[in-house]
Amino acid sequence: MQVEVRLYAALRRYGPASGGQPFQVELEEGDNLRALLRRLGIPADLTKLAFVNSVARSEDFRLTDGDEVGLFPPIAGGRPARLRTTADPQSHRFLLK
């Protein structure tokens, strides 16, 4: 089966030299997004969002012939933000650390 893939931002280096244009990838029937990432050589931790036919999907989502896939890396920075509460237990504010 074939799916159309569009890579965004830093993930573009894993696609053909097509200037960010969509490209076709041949997969086995029943393959999921995780298999697509492996086929493209993209480490799983470099993909933050995956859309199939404009719907956000997990790596376990099974692809079908003709699907349109968009892959996005984490956009902003280094380590993930952690939420912490303020010192006042009555406060409903959350701060990013």
C-alpha atoms as a PDB file:
ATOM      1  CA  MET A   1       0.000   0.000   0.000  1.00  0.00           C
ATOM      2  CA  GLN A   2       1.073   3.620  -0.450  1.00  0.00           C
ATOM      3  CA  VAL A   3       0.612   6.571   1.881  1.00  0.00           C
ATOM      4  CA  GLU A   4       1.377  10.220   1.235  1.00  0.00           C
ATOM      5  CA  VAL A   5       3.707  11.763   3.813  1.00  0.00           C
ATOM      6  CA  ARG A   6       4.439  15.375   4.637  1.00  0.00           C
ATOM      7  CA  LEU A   7       7.238  16.116   7.108  1.00  0.00           C
ATOM      8  CA  TYR A   8       7.387  19.397   9.011  1.00  0.00           C
ATOM      9  CA  ALA A   9      10.210  21.478  10.502  1.00  0.00           C
ATOM     10  CA  ALA A  10      13.246  19.430  11.629  1.00  0.00           C
ATOM     11  CA  LEU A  11      11.688  16.160  10.393  1.00  0.00           C
ATOM     12  CA  ARG A  12      12.094  17.261   6.761  1.00  0.00           C
ATOM     13  CA  ARG A  13      15.655  15.950   6.780  1.00  0.00           C
ATOM     14  CA  TYR A  14      14.216  12.395   6.901  1.00  0.00           C
ATOM     15  CA  GLY A  15      12.390  12.796   3.597  1.00  0.00           C
ATOM     16  CA  PRO A  16      13.594  13.086   0.020  1.00  0.00           C
ATOM     17  CA  ALA A  17      15.152  16.367  -1.078  1.00  0.00           C
ATOM     18  CA  SER A  18      11.765  17.670  -2.185  1.00  0.00           C
ATOM     19  CA  GLY A  19      11.710  20.979  -0.362  1.00  0.00           C
ATOM     20  CA  GLY A  20       9.015  19.948   2.095  1.00  0.00           C
ATOM     21  CA  GLN A  21       6.648  18.620  -0.556  1.00  0.00           C
ATOM     22  CA  PRO A  22       4.539  15.502   0.135  1.00  0.00           C
ATOM     23  CA  PHE A  23       5.989  12.190  -1.037  1.00  0.00           C
ATOM     24  CA  GLN A  24       4.771   8.603  -1.377  1.00  0.00           C
ATOM     25  CA  VAL A  25       5.949   5.772   0.877  1.00  0.00           C
ATOM     26  CA  GLU A  26       5.327   2.092   0.205  1.00  0.00           C
ATOM     27  CA  LEU A  27       4.291   0.087   3.294  1.00  0.00           C
ATOM     28  CA  GLU A  28       3.005  -3.409   3.999  1.00  0.00           C
ATOM     29  CA  GLU A  29      -0.737  -3.911   4.423  1.00  0.00           C
ATOM     30  CA  GLY A  30      -1.636  -3.476   8.106  1.00  0.00           C
ATOM     31  CA  ASP A  31       1.380  -1.310   8.971  1.00  0.00           C
ATOM     32  CA  ASN A  32       0.860   1.419  11.568  1.00  0.00           C
ATOM     33  CA  LEU A  33       2.408   4.839  12.147  1.00  0.00           C
ATOM     34  CA  ARG A  34       5.244   3.272  14.144  1.00  0.00           C
ATOM     35  CA  ALA A  35       6.191   1.178  11.084  1.00  0.00           C
ATOM     36  CA  LEU A  36       6.141   4.315   8.934  1.00  0.00           C
ATOM     37  CA  LEU A  37       8.509   6.084  11.344  1.00  0.00           C
ATOM     38  CA  ARG A  38      10.876   3.092  11.219  1.00  0.00           C
ATOM     39  CA  ARG A  39      10.706   3.000   7.409  1.00  0.00           C
ATOM     40  CA  LEU A  40      11.670   6.695   7.267  1.00  0.00           C
ATOM     41  CA  GLY A  41      14.399   6.284   9.921  1.00  0.00           C
ATOM     42  CA  ILE A  42      12.761   8.784  12.271  1.00  0.00           C
ATOM     43  CA  PRO A  43      13.421   8.117  15.971  1.00  0.00           C
ATOM     44  CA  ALA A  44      10.074   7.843  17.805  1.00  0.00           C
ATOM     45  CA  ASP A  45      11.044  10.518  20.335  1.00  0.00           C
ATOM     46  CA  LEU A  46      11.450  13.076  17.529  1.00  0.00           C
ATOM     47  CA  THR A  47       7.789  12.892  16.534  1.00  0.00           C
ATOM     48  CA  LYS A  48       5.416  14.872  18.750  1.00  0.00           C
ATOM     49  CA  LEU A  49       2.263  14.826  16.600  1.00  0.00           C
ATOM     50  CA  ALA A  50       1.048  12.597  13.816  1.00  0.00           C
ATOM     51  CA  PHE A  51      -2.025  13.379  11.736  1.00  0.00           C
ATOM     52  CA  VAL A  52      -3.685  10.894   9.412  1.00  0.00           C
ATOM     53  CA  ASN A  53      -6.241  12.427   7.069  1.00  0.00           C
ATOM     54  CA  SER A  54      -6.239  15.567   9.278  1.00  0.00           C
ATOM     55  CA  VAL A  55      -6.975  13.669  12.521  1.00  0.00           C
ATOM     56  CA  ALA A  56      -4.377  13.313  15.323  1.00  0.00           C
ATOM     57  CA  ARG A  57      -3.435   9.653  15.771  1.00  0.00           C
ATOM     58  CA  SER A  58      -1.174   7.555  18.026  1.00  0.00           C
ATOM     59  CA  GLU A  59       1.748   5.465  16.788  1.00  0.00           C
ATOM     60  CA  ASP A  60      -0.442   2.343  16.980  1.00  0.00           C
ATOM     61  CA  PHE A  61      -2.910   3.668  14.410  1.00  0.00           C
ATOM     62  CA  ARG A  62      -3.187   1.279  11.442  1.00  0.00           C
ATOM     63  CA  LEU A  63      -2.693   2.967   8.081  1.00  0.00           C
ATOM     64  CA  THR A  64      -4.619   2.187   4.903  1.00  0.00           C
ATOM     65  CA  ASP A  65      -3.833   2.707   1.237  1.00  0.00           C
ATOM     66  CA  GLY A  66      -4.062   6.365   0.221  1.00  0.00           C
ATOM     67  CA  ASP A  67      -3.837   7.835   3.735  1.00  0.00           C
ATOM     68  CA  GLU A  68      -2.315  11.305   4.033  1.00  0.00           C
ATOM     69  CA  VAL A  69       0.112  11.532   6.960  1.00  0.00           C
ATOM     70  CA  GLY A  70       1.605  14.677   8.510  1.00  0.00           C
ATOM     71  CA  LEU A  71       4.435  14.321  11.043  1.00  0.00           C
ATOM     72  CA  PHE A  72       5.506  17.116  13.407  1.00  0.00           C
ATOM     73  CA  PRO A  73       8.472  17.293  15.800  1.00  0.00           C
ATOM     74  CA  PRO A  74       8.326  18.932  19.218  1.00  0.00           C
ATOM     75  CA  ILE A  75       8.229  22.636  18.420  1.00  0.00           C
ATOM     76  CA  ALA A  76       9.534  24.482  21.473  1.00  0.00           C
ATOM     77  CA  GLY A  77      12.789  23.642  23.042  1.00  0.00           C
ATOM     78  CA  GLY A  78      14.538  21.278  25.335  1.00  0.00           C
ATOM     79  CA  ARG A  79      13.085  19.348  28.180  1.00  0.00           C
ATOM     80  CA  PRO A  80       9.346  18.959  28.734  1.00  0.00           C
ATOM     81  CA  ALA A  81       7.756  21.512  31.044  1.00  0.00           C
ATOM     82  CA  ARG A  82       6.630  20.245  34.435  1.00  0.00           C
ATOM     83  CA  LEU A  83       3.597  21.647  36.180  1.00  0.00           C
ATOM     84  CA  ARG A  84       3.823  22.620  39.831  1.00  0.00           C
ATOM     85  CA  THR A  85       1.358  24.337  42.107  1.00  0.00           C
ATOM     86  CA  THR A  86       2.047  27.559  43.964  1.00  0.00           C
ATOM     87  CA  ALA A  87       2.840  27.488  47.666  1.00  0.00           C
ATOM     88  CA  ASP A  88      -0.746  28.563  48.455  1.00  0.00           C
ATOM     89  CA  PRO A  89      -2.898  25.374  48.427  1.00  0.00           C
ATOM     90  CA  GLN A  90      -6.004  27.505  47.808  1.00  0.00           C
ATOM     91  CA  SER A  91      -4.531  28.932  44.627  1.00  0.00           C
ATOM     92  CA  HIS A  92      -5.793  27.583  41.326  1.00  0.00           C
ATOM     93  CA  ARG A  93      -2.779  28.878  39.438  1.00  0.00           C
ATOM     94  CA  PHE A  94      -0.261  26.503  37.947  1.00  0.00           C
ATOM     95  CA  LEU A  95       3.264  27.541  37.091  1.00  0.00           C
ATOM     96  CA  LEU A  96       5.614  26.020  34.558  1.00  0.00           C
ATOM     97  CA  LYS A  97       8.946  25.060  36.002  1.00  0.00           C
END
